[in-house]
């Protein structure tokens, strides 16, 4: 897992022109952070891979999560955000017509000092 994520992060770092920072990575600590993610945090390996893939493609997170340590620290937040991005957004519902709207408009017409007989009741 550490090697897989390191390769993904390296590709992001190359794009950003900061590959020299990733080359200094201590793979032993990356492996230990991945072990902790699975054993201590009890994250499913498949879910971990999905988040790793998503985080290295997301325009915001790919530049903010460049290590296994950071991935572990923010895993819960990242998983929630990833799942939220996958769900299709609910289309906004048109406001439904309320028959009271015309009555409210009529009351305002009268309050403004207008003649009730001149009020337009059509839609």
PDB file of N, CA and C in Angstrom:
ATOM      1  N   UNK A   1       0.825  -1.195   0.000  1.00  0.00           N
ATOM      2  CA  UNK A   1       0.000   0.000   0.000  1.00  0.00           C
ATOM      3  C   UNK A   1       0.871   1.260   0.000  1.00  0.00           C
ATOM      4  N   UNK A   2       1.940   1.221   0.769  1.00  0.00           N
ATOM      5  CA  UNK A   2       2.825   2.383   0.841  1.00  0.00           C
ATOM      6  C   UNK A   2       3.463   2.663  -0.518  1.00  0.00           C
ATOM      7  N   UNK A   3       3.898   1.608  -1.178  1.00  0.00           N
ATOM      8  CA  UNK A   3       4.528   1.763  -2.493  1.00  0.00           C
ATOM      9  C   UNK A   3       3.493   2.277  -3.506  1.00  0.00           C
ATOM     10  N   UNK A   4       2.293   1.724  -3.457  1.00  0.00           N
ATOM     11  CA  UNK A   4       1.229   2.144  -4.368  1.00  0.00           C
ATOM     12  C   UNK A   4       0.933   3.634  -4.192  1.00  0.00           C
ATOM     13  N   UNK A   5       0.745   4.056  -2.942  1.00  0.00           N
ATOM     14  CA  UNK A   5       0.418   5.457  -2.686  1.00  0.00           C
ATOM     15  C   UNK A   5       1.606   6.370  -3.023  1.00  0.00           C
ATOM     16  N   UNK A   6       2.805   5.898  -2.752  1.00  0.00           N
ATOM     17  CA  UNK A   6       4.005   6.686  -3.074  1.00  0.00           C
ATOM     18  C   UNK A   6       4.092   6.950  -4.575  1.00  0.00           C
ATOM     19  N   UNK A   7       3.777   5.934  -5.374  1.00  0.00           N
ATOM     20  CA  UNK A   7       3.792   6.118  -6.830  1.00  0.00           C
ATOM     21  C   UNK A   7       2.750   7.140  -7.265  1.00  0.00           C
ATOM     22  N   UNK A   8       1.556   7.069  -6.675  1.00  0.00           N
ATOM     23  CA  UNK A   8       0.483   8.016  -7.014  1.00  0.00           C
ATOM     24  C   UNK A   8       0.887   9.437  -6.623  1.00  0.00           C
ATOM     25  N   UNK A   9       1.447   9.591  -5.436  1.00  0.00           N
ATOM     26  CA  UNK A   9       1.858  10.914  -4.956  1.00  0.00           C
ATOM     27  C   UNK A   9       3.039  11.427  -5.777  1.00  0.00           C
ATOM     28  N   UNK A  10       3.921  10.543  -6.160  1.00  0.00           N
ATOM     29  CA  UNK A  10       5.071  10.941  -6.989  1.00  0.00           C
ATOM     30  C   UNK A  10       4.608  11.525  -8.320  1.00  0.00           C
ATOM     31  N   UNK A  11       3.581  10.939  -8.901  1.00  0.00           N
ATOM     32  CA  UNK A  11       3.047  11.455 -10.165  1.00  0.00           C
ATOM     33  C   UNK A  11       2.490  12.863  -9.976  1.00  0.00           C
ATOM     34  N   UNK A  12       1.800  13.085  -8.861  1.00  0.00           N
ATOM     35  CA  UNK A  12       1.267  14.412  -8.555  1.00  0.00           C
ATOM     36  C   UNK A  12       2.415  15.400  -8.336  1.00  0.00           C
ATOM     37  N   UNK A  13       3.432  14.966  -7.602  1.00  0.00           N
ATOM     38  CA  UNK A  13       4.580  15.826  -7.310  1.00  0.00           C
ATOM     39  C   UNK A  13       5.337  16.178  -8.596  1.00  0.00           C
ATOM     40  N   UNK A  14       5.457  15.226  -9.502  1.00  0.00           N
ATOM     41  CA  UNK A  14       6.111  15.495 -10.786  1.00  0.00           C
ATOM     42  C   UNK A  14       5.365  16.567 -11.567  1.00  0.00           C
ATOM     43  N   UNK A  15       4.029  16.467 -11.575  1.00  0.00           N
ATOM     44  CA  UNK A  15       3.205  17.465 -12.266  1.00  0.00           C
ATOM     45  C   UNK A  15       3.405  18.858 -11.670  1.00  0.00           C
ATOM     46  N   UNK A  16       3.564  18.900 -10.350  1.00  0.00           N
ATOM     47  CA  UNK A  16       3.690  20.177  -9.649  1.00  0.00           C
ATOM     48  C   UNK A  16       5.129  20.690  -9.634  1.00  0.00           C
ATOM     49  N   UNK A  17       6.050  19.866 -10.102  1.00  0.00           N
ATOM     50  CA  UNK A  17       7.458  20.274 -10.126  1.00  0.00           C
ATOM     51  C   UNK A  17       8.147  20.197  -8.774  1.00  0.00           C
ATOM     52  N   UNK A  18       7.631  19.348  -7.885  1.00  0.00           N
ATOM     53  CA  UNK A  18       8.242  19.199  -6.554  1.00  0.00           C
ATOM     54  C   UNK A  18       8.644  17.752  -6.277  1.00  0.00           C
ATOM     55  N   UNK A  19       9.019  17.056  -7.328  1.00  0.00           N
ATOM     56  CA  UNK A  19       9.354  15.632  -7.175  1.00  0.00           C
ATOM     57  C   UNK A  19      10.534  15.420  -6.234  1.00  0.00           C
ATOM     58  N   UNK A  20      11.398  16.426  -6.093  1.00  0.00           N
ATOM     59  CA  UNK A  20      12.555  16.291  -5.198  1.00  0.00           C
ATOM     60  C   UNK A  20      12.116  16.109  -3.738  1.00  0.00           C
ATOM     61  N   UNK A  21      10.942  16.616  -3.372  1.00  0.00           N
ATOM     62  CA  UNK A  21      10.456  16.455  -2.002  1.00  0.00           C
ATOM     63  C   UNK A  21       9.995  15.028  -1.730  1.00  0.00           C
ATOM     64  N   UNK A  22       9.453  14.384  -2.730  1.00  0.00           N
ATOM     65  CA  UNK A  22       8.941  13.027  -2.568  1.00  0.00           C
ATOM     66  C   UNK A  22      10.079  12.010  -2.570  1.00  0.00           C
ATOM     67  N   UNK A  23      11.139  12.296  -3.297  1.00  0.00           N
ATOM     68  CA  UNK A  23      12.267  11.364  -3.361  1.00  0.00           C
ATOM     69  C   UNK A  23      12.908  11.153  -1.998  1.00  0.00           C
ATOM     70  N   UNK A  24      12.756  12.116  -1.092  1.00  0.00           N
ATOM     71  CA  UNK A  24      13.346  12.021   0.244  1.00  0.00           C
ATOM     72  C   UNK A  24      12.463  11.223   1.210  1.00  0.00           C
ATOM     73  N   UNK A  25      11.341  10.728   0.734  1.00  0.00           N
ATOM     74  CA  UNK A  25      10.398  10.013   1.599  1.00  0.00           C
ATOM     75  C   UNK A  25      11.029   8.786   2.224  1.00  0.00           C
ATOM     76  N   UNK A  26      10.708   8.563   3.489  1.00  0.00           N
ATOM     77  CA  UNK A  26      11.149   7.380   4.210  1.00  0.00           C
ATOM     78  C   UNK A  26      10.058   6.319   4.050  1.00  0.00           C
ATOM     79  N   UNK A  27      10.315   5.341   3.203  1.00  0.00           N
ATOM     80  CA  UNK A  27       9.295   4.336   2.901  1.00  0.00           C
ATOM     81  C   UNK A  27       8.939   3.484   4.118  1.00  0.00           C
ATOM     82  N   UNK A  28       9.848   3.391   5.072  1.00  0.00           N
ATOM     83  CA  UNK A  28       9.544   2.633   6.283  1.00  0.00           C
ATOM     84  C   UNK A  28       8.433   3.337   7.078  1.00  0.00           C
ATOM     85  N   UNK A  29       8.508   4.647   7.177  1.00  0.00           N
ATOM     86  CA  UNK A  29       7.452   5.360   7.905  1.00  0.00           C
ATOM     87  C   UNK A  29       6.144   5.350   7.116  1.00  0.00           C
ATOM     88  N   UNK A  30       6.236   5.406   5.794  1.00  0.00           N
ATOM     89  CA  UNK A  30       5.019   5.305   4.980  1.00  0.00           C
ATOM     90  C   UNK A  30       4.350   3.956   5.223  1.00  0.00           C
ATOM     91  N   UNK A  31       5.150   2.885   5.221  1.00  0.00           N
ATOM     92  CA  UNK A  31       4.611   1.538   5.439  1.00  0.00           C
ATOM     93  C   UNK A  31       3.994   1.433   6.834  1.00  0.00           C
ATOM     94  N   UNK A  32       4.650   2.053   7.829  1.00  0.00           N
ATOM     95  CA  UNK A  32       4.141   2.006   9.190  1.00  0.00           C
ATOM     96  C   UNK A  32       2.814   2.769   9.296  1.00  0.00           C
ATOM     97  N   UNK A  33       2.717   3.911   8.625  1.00  0.00           N
ATOM     98  CA  UNK A  33       1.456   4.659   8.637  1.00  0.00           C
ATOM     99  C   UNK A  33       0.334   3.874   7.964  1.00  0.00           C
ATOM    100  N   UNK A  34       0.656   3.165   6.907  1.00  0.00           N
ATOM    101  CA  UNK A  34      -0.356   2.335   6.242  1.00  0.00           C
ATOM    102  C   UNK A  34      -0.779   1.172   7.133  1.00  0.00           C
ATOM    103  N   UNK A  35       0.189   0.584   7.820  1.00  0.00           N
ATOM    104  CA  UNK A  35      -0.122  -0.504   8.754  1.00  0.00           C
ATOM    105  C   UNK A  35      -1.060   0.000   9.844  1.00  0.00           C
ATOM    106  N   UNK A  36      -0.774   1.171  10.391  1.00  0.00           N
ATOM    107  CA  UNK A  36      -1.620   1.754  11.441  1.00  0.00           C
ATOM    108  C   UNK A  36      -3.022   2.063  10.918  1.00  0.00           C
ATOM    109  N   UNK A  37      -3.086   2.516   9.690  1.00  0.00           N
ATOM    110  CA  UNK A  37      -4.379   2.818   9.082  1.00  0.00           C
ATOM    111  C   UNK A  37      -5.260   1.569   9.045  1.00  0.00           C
ATOM    112  N   UNK A  38      -4.649   0.441   8.720  1.00  0.00           N
ATOM    113  CA  UNK A  38      -5.399  -0.824   8.610  1.00  0.00           C
ATOM    114  C   UNK A  38      -5.617  -1.470   9.975  1.00  0.00           C
ATOM    115  N   UNK A  39      -4.552  -1.593  10.761  1.00  0.00           N
ATOM    116  CA  UNK A  39      -4.641  -2.327  12.026  1.00  0.00           C
ATOM    117  C   UNK A  39      -5.266  -1.527  13.161  1.00  0.00           C
ATOM    118  N   UNK A  40      -4.842  -0.313  13.357  1.00  0.00           N
ATOM    119  CA  UNK A  40      -5.329   0.480  14.487  1.00  0.00           C
ATOM    120  C   UNK A  40      -6.641   1.176  14.138  1.00  0.00           C
ATOM    121  N   UNK A  41      -6.649   1.854  12.990  1.00  0.00           N
ATOM    122  CA  UNK A  41      -7.840   2.596  12.586  1.00  0.00           C
ATOM    123  C   UNK A  41      -8.917   1.689  11.989  1.00  0.00           C
ATOM    124  N   UNK A  42      -8.529   0.463  11.676  1.00  0.00           N
ATOM    125  CA  UNK A  42      -9.422  -0.575  11.138  1.00  0.00           C
ATOM    126  C   UNK A  42     -10.146  -0.124   9.865  1.00  0.00           C
ATOM    127  N   UNK A  43      -9.369   0.445   8.969  1.00  0.00           N
ATOM    128  CA  UNK A  43      -9.892   0.861   7.672  1.00  0.00           C
ATOM    129  C   UNK A  43      -9.793  -0.323   6.718  1.00  0.00           C
ATOM    130  N   UNK A  44     -10.851  -0.550   5.961  1.00  0.00           N
ATOM    131  CA  UNK A  44     -10.866  -1.613   4.961  1.00  0.00           C
ATOM    132  C   UNK A  44      -9.851  -1.286   3.866  1.00  0.00           C
ATOM    133  N   UNK A  45      -9.083  -2.279   3.434  1.00  0.00           N
ATOM    134  CA  UNK A  45      -8.036  -2.063   2.433  1.00  0.00           C
ATOM    135  C   UNK A  45      -8.598  -1.542   1.111  1.00  0.00           C
ATOM    136  N   UNK A  46      -9.761  -2.029   0.734  1.00  0.00           N
ATOM    137  CA  UNK A  46     -10.373  -1.585  -0.525  1.00  0.00           C
ATOM    138  C   UNK A  46     -10.802  -0.119  -0.432  1.00  0.00           C
ATOM    139  N   UNK A  47     -11.332   0.241   0.731  1.00  0.00           N
ATOM    140  CA  UNK A  47     -11.717   1.636   0.929  1.00  0.00           C
ATOM    141  C   UNK A  47     -10.479   2.525   0.941  1.00  0.00           C
ATOM    142  N   UNK A  48      -9.408   2.046   1.554  1.00  0.00           N
ATOM    143  CA  UNK A  48      -8.160   2.810   1.591  1.00  0.00           C
ATOM    144  C   UNK A  48      -7.659   3.066   0.172  1.00  0.00           C
ATOM    145  N   UNK A  49      -7.736   2.053  -0.676  1.00  0.00           N
ATOM    146  CA  UNK A  49      -7.297   2.221  -2.072  1.00  0.00           C
ATOM    147  C   UNK A  49      -8.174   3.222  -2.800  1.00  0.00           C
ATOM    148  N   UNK A  50      -9.481   3.147  -2.576  1.00  0.00           N
ATOM    149  CA  UNK A  50     -10.391   4.094  -3.219  1.00  0.00           C
ATOM    150  C   UNK A  50     -10.062   5.529  -2.819  1.00  0.00           C
ATOM    151  N   UNK A  51      -9.790   5.742  -1.535  1.00  0.00           N
ATOM    152  CA  UNK A  51      -9.458   7.085  -1.060  1.00  0.00           C
ATOM    153  C   UNK A  51      -8.108   7.517  -1.630  1.00  0.00           C
ATOM    154  N   UNK A  52      -7.149   6.613  -1.692  1.00  0.00           N
ATOM    155  CA  UNK A  52      -5.843   6.952  -2.268  1.00  0.00           C
ATOM    156  C   UNK A  52      -5.994   7.377  -3.725  1.00  0.00           C
ATOM    157  N   UNK A  53      -6.798   6.642  -4.474  1.00  0.00           N
ATOM    158  CA  UNK A  53      -7.018   6.991  -5.880  1.00  0.00           C
ATOM    159  C   UNK A  53      -7.726   8.344  -5.999  1.00  0.00           C
ATOM    160  N   UNK A  54      -8.747   8.533  -5.172  1.00  0.00           N
ATOM    161  CA  UNK A  54      -9.519   9.773  -5.234  1.00  0.00           C
ATOM    162  C   UNK A  54      -8.683  10.985  -4.827  1.00  0.00           C
ATOM    163  N   UNK A  55      -7.938  10.840  -3.729  1.00  0.00           N
ATOM    164  CA  UNK A  55      -7.195  11.984  -3.189  1.00  0.00           C
ATOM    165  C   UNK A  55      -6.101  12.459  -4.148  1.00  0.00           C
ATOM    166  N   UNK A  56      -5.557  11.550  -4.941  1.00  0.00           N
ATOM    167  CA  UNK A  56      -4.504  11.949  -5.882  1.00  0.00           C
ATOM    168  C   UNK A  56      -5.070  12.475  -7.198  1.00  0.00           C
ATOM    169  N   UNK A  57      -6.388  12.457  -7.333  1.00  0.00           N
ATOM    170  CA  UNK A  57      -7.034  13.007  -8.524  1.00  0.00           C
ATOM    171  C   UNK A  57      -7.846  14.263  -8.218  1.00  0.00           C
ATOM    172  N   UNK A  58      -8.221  14.449  -6.962  1.00  0.00           N
ATOM    173  CA  UNK A  58      -9.011  15.612  -6.586  1.00  0.00           C
ATOM    174  C   UNK A  58      -8.159  16.876  -6.679  1.00  0.00           C
ATOM    175  N   UNK A  59      -8.706  17.902  -7.315  1.00  0.00           N
ATOM    176  CA  UNK A  59      -7.925  19.115  -7.579  1.00  0.00           C
ATOM    177  C   UNK A  59      -7.441  19.801  -6.298  1.00  0.00           C
ATOM    178  N   UNK A  60      -8.209  19.725  -5.231  1.00  0.00           N
ATOM    179  CA  UNK A  60      -7.787  20.353  -3.979  1.00  0.00           C
ATOM    180  C   UNK A  60      -6.878  19.441  -3.160  1.00  0.00           C
ATOM    181  N   UNK A  61      -7.321  18.216  -2.924  1.00  0.00           N
ATOM    182  CA  UNK A  61      -6.621  17.343  -1.992  1.00  0.00           C
ATOM    183  C   UNK A  61      -5.293  16.810  -2.517  1.00  0.00           C
ATOM    184  N   UNK A  62      -5.141  16.707  -3.830  1.00  0.00           N
ATOM    185  CA  UNK A  62      -3.899  16.120  -4.350  1.00  0.00           C
ATOM    186  C   UNK A  62      -2.670  16.947  -3.986  1.00  0.00           C
ATOM    187  N   UNK A  63      -2.844  18.226  -3.712  1.00  0.00           N
ATOM    188  CA  UNK A  63      -1.706  19.049  -3.308  1.00  0.00           C
ATOM    189  C   UNK A  63      -1.617  19.210  -1.795  1.00  0.00           C
ATOM    190  N   UNK A  64      -2.598  18.676  -1.085  1.00  0.00           N
ATOM    191  CA  UNK A  64      -2.612  18.801   0.371  1.00  0.00           C
ATOM    192  C   UNK A  64      -2.330  17.496   1.105  1.00  0.00           C
ATOM    193  N   UNK A  65      -2.382  16.392   0.400  1.00  0.00           N
ATOM    194  CA  UNK A  65      -2.086  15.091   1.003  1.00  0.00           C
ATOM    195  C   UNK A  65      -0.957  14.457   0.195  1.00  0.00           C
ATOM    196  N   UNK A  66       0.266  14.704   0.641  1.00  0.00           N
ATOM    197  CA  UNK A  66       1.435  14.225  -0.104  1.00  0.00           C
ATOM    198  C   UNK A  66       2.268  13.233   0.696  1.00  0.00           C
ATOM    199  N   UNK A  67       1.650  12.610   1.707  1.00  0.00           N
ATOM    200  CA  UNK A  67       2.362  11.599   2.484  1.00  0.00           C
ATOM    201  C   UNK A  67       1.362  10.622   3.092  1.00  0.00           C
ATOM    202  N   UNK A  68       1.869   9.468   3.472  1.00  0.00           N
ATOM    203  CA  UNK A  68       1.014   8.463   4.109  1.00  0.00           C
ATOM    204  C   UNK A  68       0.544   8.959   5.476  1.00  0.00           C
ATOM    205  N   UNK A  69       1.397   9.707   6.150  1.00  0.00           N
ATOM    206  CA  UNK A  69       1.028  10.260   7.464  1.00  0.00           C
ATOM    207  C   UNK A  69      -0.165  11.193   7.334  1.00  0.00           C
ATOM    208  N   UNK A  70      -0.117  12.076   6.348  1.00  0.00           N
ATOM    209  CA  UNK A  70      -1.213  13.026   6.134  1.00  0.00           C
ATOM    210  C   UNK A  70      -2.482  12.287   5.698  1.00  0.00           C
ATOM    211  N   UNK A  71      -2.326  11.251   4.897  1.00  0.00           N
ATOM    212  CA  UNK A  71      -3.474  10.443   4.478  1.00  0.00           C
ATOM    213  C   UNK A  71      -4.145   9.834   5.700  1.00  0.00           C
ATOM    214  N   UNK A  72      -3.365   9.283   6.605  1.00  0.00           N
ATOM    215  CA  UNK A  72      -3.921   8.660   7.804  1.00  0.00           C
ATOM    216  C   UNK A  72      -4.582   9.700   8.700  1.00  0.00           C
ATOM    217  N   UNK A  73      -3.936  10.835   8.878  1.00  0.00           N
ATOM    218  CA  UNK A  73      -4.487  11.879   9.748  1.00  0.00           C
ATOM    219  C   UNK A  73      -5.849  12.367   9.263  1.00  0.00           C
ATOM    220  N   UNK A  74      -6.015  12.463   7.955  1.00  0.00           N
ATOM    221  CA  UNK A  74      -7.223  13.056   7.391  1.00  0.00           C
ATOM    222  C   UNK A  74      -8.145  12.019   6.753  1.00  0.00           C
ATOM    223  N   UNK A  75      -7.894  10.744   7.014  1.00  0.00           N
ATOM    224  CA  UNK A  75      -8.610   9.695   6.294  1.00  0.00           C
ATOM    225  C   UNK A  75     -10.122   9.815   6.419  1.00  0.00           C
ATOM    226  N   UNK A  76     -10.618  10.023   7.629  1.00  0.00           N
ATOM    227  CA  UNK A  76     -12.065  10.073   7.830  1.00  0.00           C
ATOM    228  C   UNK A  76     -12.661  11.234   7.020  1.00  0.00           C
ATOM    229  N   UNK A  77     -12.049  12.393   7.110  1.00  0.00           N
ATOM    230  CA  UNK A  77     -12.514  13.558   6.362  1.00  0.00           C
ATOM    231  C   UNK A  77     -12.479  13.299   4.855  1.00  0.00           C
ATOM    232  N   UNK A  78     -11.402  12.670   4.394  1.00  0.00           N
ATOM    233  CA  UNK A  78     -11.254  12.387   2.965  1.00  0.00           C
ATOM    234  C   UNK A  78     -12.298  11.389   2.482  1.00  0.00           C
ATOM    235  N   UNK A  79     -12.547  10.354   3.269  1.00  0.00           N
ATOM    236  CA  UNK A  79     -13.530   9.340   2.884  1.00  0.00           C
ATOM    237  C   UNK A  79     -14.929   9.949   2.797  1.00  0.00           C
ATOM    238  N   UNK A  80     -15.253  10.819   3.745  1.00  0.00           N
ATOM    239  CA  UNK A  80     -16.566  11.470   3.737  1.00  0.00           C
ATOM    240  C   UNK A  80     -16.694  12.365   2.512  1.00  0.00           C
ATOM    241  N   UNK A  81     -15.663  13.137   2.245  1.00  0.00           N
ATOM    242  CA  UNK A  81     -15.684  14.045   1.092  1.00  0.00           C
ATOM    243  C   UNK A  81     -15.776  13.258  -0.213  1.00  0.00           C
ATOM    244  N   UNK A  82     -15.031  12.172  -0.305  1.00  0.00           N
ATOM    245  CA  UNK A  82     -15.061  11.343  -1.505  1.00  0.00           C
ATOM    246  C   UNK A  82     -16.473  10.807  -1.745  1.00  0.00           C
ATOM    247  N   UNK A  83     -17.103  10.295  -0.701  1.00  0.00           N
ATOM    248  CA  UNK A  83     -18.453   9.750  -0.840  1.00  0.00           C
ATOM    249  C   UNK A  83     -19.463  10.837  -1.187  1.00  0.00           C
ATOM    250  N   UNK A  84     -19.284  12.022  -0.643  1.00  0.00           N
ATOM    251  CA  UNK A  84     -20.183  13.130  -0.950  1.00  0.00           C
ATOM    252  C   UNK A  84     -20.049  13.537  -2.416  1.00  0.00           C
ATOM    253  N   UNK A  85     -18.831  13.498  -2.933  1.00  0.00           N
ATOM    254  CA  UNK A  85     -18.600  13.867  -4.330  1.00  0.00           C
ATOM    255  C   UNK A  85     -19.187  12.836  -5.292  1.00  0.00           C
ATOM    256  N   UNK A  86     -19.279  11.586  -4.852  1.00  0.00           N
ATOM    257  CA  UNK A  86     -19.799  10.525  -5.712  1.00  0.00           C
ATOM    258  C   UNK A  86     -21.315  10.573  -5.845  1.00  0.00           C
ATOM    259  N   UNK A  87     -21.998  11.068  -4.801  1.00  0.00           N
ATOM    260  CA  UNK A  87     -23.456  11.107  -4.829  1.00  0.00           C
ATOM    261  C   UNK A  87     -23.914  12.191  -5.791  1.00  0.00           C
ATOM    262  N   UNK A  88     -24.883  11.867  -6.646  1.00  0.00           N
ATOM    263  CA  UNK A  88     -25.394  12.905  -7.544  1.00  0.00           C
ATOM    264  C   UNK A  88     -26.138  13.956  -6.726  1.00  0.00           C
ATOM    265  N   UNK A  89     -25.936  15.182  -7.070  1.00  0.00           N
ATOM    266  CA  UNK A  89     -26.598  16.251  -6.326  1.00  0.00           C
ATOM    267  C   UNK A  89     -28.092  16.265  -6.654  1.00  0.00           C
ATOM    268  N   UNK A  90     -28.854  16.585  -5.665  1.00  0.00           N
ATOM    269  CA  UNK A  90     -30.303  16.636  -5.827  1.00  0.00           C
ATOM    270  C   UNK A  90     -30.653  17.847  -6.684  1.00  0.00           C
ATOM    271  N   UNK A  91     -31.445  17.654  -7.725  1.00  0.00           N
ATOM    272  CA  UNK A  91     -31.852  18.825  -8.507  1.00  0.00           C
ATOM    273  C   UNK A  91     -32.734  19.729  -7.645  1.00  0.00           C
ATOM    274  N   UNK A  92     -32.560  21.017  -7.805  1.00  0.00           N
ATOM    275  CA  UNK A  92     -33.362  21.954  -7.029  1.00  0.00           C
ATOM    276  C   UNK A  92     -34.801  21.871  -7.501  1.00  0.00           C
ATOM    277  N   UNK A  93     -35.691  21.789  -6.536  1.00  0.00           N
ATOM    278  CA  UNK A  93     -37.104  21.702  -6.869  1.00  0.00           C
ATOM    279  C   UNK A  93     -37.651  23.107  -7.091  1.00  0.00           C
ATOM    280  N   UNK A  94     -38.527  23.194  -8.082  1.00  0.00           N
ATOM    281  CA  UNK A  94     -39.184  24.472  -8.322  1.00  0.00           C
ATOM    282  C   UNK A  94     -40.116  24.738  -7.149  1.00  0.00           C
ATOM    283  N   UNK A  95     -40.170  25.997  -6.730  1.00  0.00           N
ATOM    284  CA  UNK A  95     -41.130  26.292  -5.664  1.00  0.00           C
ATOM    285  C   UNK A  95     -42.545  26.016  -6.166  1.00  0.00           C
ATOM    286  N   UNK A  96     -43.288  25.320  -5.357  1.00  0.00           N
ATOM    287  CA  UNK A  96     -44.646  24.986  -5.758  1.00  0.00           C
ATOM    288  C   UNK A  96     -45.550  26.201  -5.598  1.00  0.00           C
ATOM    289  N   UNK A  97     -46.534  26.248  -6.445  1.00  0.00           N
ATOM    290  CA  UNK A  97     -47.507  27.335  -6.384  1.00  0.00           C
ATOM    291  C   UNK A  97     -48.334  27.181  -5.125  1.00  0.00           C
ATOM    292  N   UNK A  98     -48.466  28.246  -4.405  1.00  0.00           N
ATOM    293  CA  UNK A  98     -49.289  28.266  -3.206  1.00  0.00           C
ATOM    294  C   UNK A  98     -50.434  29.244  -3.449  1.00  0.00           C
ATOM    295  N   UNK A  99     -51.662  28.782  -3.350  1.00  0.00           N
ATOM    296  CA  UNK A  99     -52.790  29.677  -3.633  1.00  0.00           C
ATOM    297  C   UNK A  99     -52.829  30.885  -2.697  1.00  0.00           C
ATOM    298  N   UNK A 100     -52.180  30.787  -1.558  1.00  0.00           N
ATOM    299  CA  UNK A 100     -52.161  31.913  -0.618  1.00  0.00           C
ATOM    300  C   UNK A 100     -51.270  33.054  -1.111  1.00  0.00           C
ATOM    301  N   UNK A 101     -50.375  32.759  -2.065  1.00  0.00           N
ATOM    302  CA  UNK A 101     -49.471  33.791  -2.579  1.00  0.00           C
ATOM    303  C   UNK A 101     -50.253  34.976  -3.147  1.00  0.00           C
ATOM    304  N   UNK A 102     -51.297  34.707  -3.911  1.00  0.00           N
ATOM    305  CA  UNK A 102     -52.087  35.774  -4.513  1.00  0.00           C
ATOM    306  C   UNK A 102     -52.814  36.583  -3.428  1.00  0.00           C
ATOM    307  N   UNK A 103     -53.288  35.885  -2.417  1.00  0.00           N
ATOM    308  CA  UNK A 103     -53.983  36.562  -1.311  1.00  0.00           C
ATOM    309  C   UNK A 103     -53.017  37.481  -0.558  1.00  0.00           C
ATOM    310  N   UNK A 104     -51.796  37.018  -0.344  1.00  0.00           N
ATOM    311  CA  UNK A 104     -50.774  37.838   0.327  1.00  0.00           C
ATOM    312  C   UNK A 104     -50.448  39.056  -0.532  1.00  0.00           C
ATOM    313  N   UNK A 105     -50.316  38.837  -1.814  1.00  0.00           N
ATOM    314  CA  UNK A 105     -50.035  39.923  -2.747  1.00  0.00           C
ATOM    315  C   UNK A 105     -51.180  40.941  -2.719  1.00  0.00           C
ATOM    316  N   UNK A 106     -52.410  40.449  -2.637  1.00  0.00           N
ATOM    317  CA  UNK A 106     -53.587  41.319  -2.562  1.00  0.00           C
ATOM    318  C   UNK A 106     -53.568  42.168  -1.287  1.00  0.00           C
ATOM    319  N   UNK A 107     -53.233  41.541  -0.170  1.00  0.00           N
ATOM    320  CA  UNK A 107     -53.172  42.262   1.105  1.00  0.00           C
ATOM    321  C   UNK A 107     -52.127  43.376   1.044  1.00  0.00           C
ATOM    322  N   UNK A 108     -50.982  43.098   0.431  1.00  0.00           N
ATOM    323  CA  UNK A 108     -49.937  44.118   0.289  1.00  0.00           C
ATOM    324  C   UNK A 108     -50.417  45.255  -0.619  1.00  0.00           C
ATOM    325  N   UNK A 109     -51.151  44.906  -1.653  1.00  0.00           N
ATOM    326  CA  UNK A 109     -51.701  45.888  -2.599  1.00  0.00           C
ATOM    327  C   UNK A 109     -52.585  46.884  -1.833  1.00  0.00           C
ATOM    328  N   UNK A 110     -53.413  46.348  -0.961  1.00  0.00           N
ATOM    329  CA  UNK A 110     -54.314  47.190  -0.176  1.00  0.00           C
ATOM    330  C   UNK A 110     -53.513  48.034   0.822  1.00  0.00           C
ATOM    331  N   UNK A 111     -52.518  47.397   1.503  1.00  0.00           N
ATOM    332  CA  UNK A 111     -51.707  48.120   2.486  1.00  0.00           C
ATOM    333  C   UNK A 111     -50.944  49.280   1.849  1.00  0.00           C
ATOM    334  N   UNK A 112     -50.587  49.135   0.586  1.00  0.00           N
ATOM    335  CA  UNK A 112     -49.872  50.197  -0.124  1.00  0.00           C
ATOM    336  C   UNK A 112     -50.812  51.322  -0.558  1.00  0.00           C
ATOM    337  N   UNK A 113     -52.092  51.200  -0.207  1.00  0.00           N
ATOM    338  CA  UNK A 113     -53.046  52.267  -0.501  1.00  0.00           C
ATOM    339  C   UNK A 113     -53.691  52.175  -1.867  1.00  0.00           C
ATOM    340  N   UNK A 114     -53.595  51.035  -2.509  1.00  0.00           N
ATOM    341  CA  UNK A 114     -54.186  50.864  -3.839  1.00  0.00           C
ATOM    342  C   UNK A 114     -55.663  50.464  -3.726  1.00  0.00           C
ATOM    343  N   UNK A 115     -56.365  50.690  -4.801  1.00  0.00           N
ATOM    344  CA  UNK A 115     -57.784  50.344  -4.860  1.00  0.00           C
ATOM    345  C   UNK A 115     -57.928  48.824  -5.036  1.00  0.00           C
ATOM    346  N   UNK A 116     -58.648  48.147  -4.127  1.00  0.00           N
ATOM    347  CA  UNK A 116     -58.828  46.695  -4.236  1.00  0.00           C
ATOM    348  C   UNK A 116     -59.462  46.275  -5.558  1.00  0.00           C
ATOM    349  N   UNK A 117     -60.276  47.119  -6.163  1.00  0.00           N
ATOM    350  CA  UNK A 117     -60.937  46.773  -7.418  1.00  0.00           C
ATOM    351  C   UNK A 117     -59.962  46.761  -8.591  1.00  0.00           C
ATOM    352  N   UNK A 118     -58.815  47.399  -8.439  1.00  0.00           N
ATOM    353  CA  UNK A 118     -57.838  47.447  -9.531  1.00  0.00           C
ATOM    354  C   UNK A 118     -56.824  46.299  -9.479  1.00  0.00           C
ATOM    355  N   UNK A 119     -56.911  45.454  -8.448  1.00  0.00           N
ATOM    356  CA  UNK A 119     -55.942  44.373  -8.296  1.00  0.00           C
ATOM    357  C   UNK A 119     -56.096  43.321  -9.398  1.00  0.00           C
ATOM    358  N   UNK A 120     -54.977  42.875  -9.963  1.00  0.00           N
ATOM    359  CA  UNK A 120     -54.983  41.866 -11.028  1.00  0.00           C
ATOM    360  C   UNK A 120     -54.886  40.475 -10.400  1.00  0.00           C
ATOM    361  N   UNK A 121     -55.958  39.706 -10.466  1.00  0.00           N
ATOM    362  CA  UNK A 121     -55.977  38.365  -9.866  1.00  0.00           C
ATOM    363  C   UNK A 121     -55.414  37.289 -10.787  1.00  0.00           C
ATOM    364  N   UNK A 122     -55.083  37.617 -12.029  1.00  0.00           N
ATOM    365  CA  UNK A 122     -54.553  36.607 -12.948  1.00  0.00           C
ATOM    366  C   UNK A 122     -53.107  36.297 -12.589  1.00  0.00           C
ATOM    367  N   UNK A 123     -52.649  35.145 -13.086  1.00  0.00           N
ATOM    368  CA  UNK A 123     -51.271  34.722 -12.778  1.00  0.00           C
ATOM    369  C   UNK A 123     -50.294  35.442 -13.585  1.00  0.00           C
TER     370      UNK A 123
END
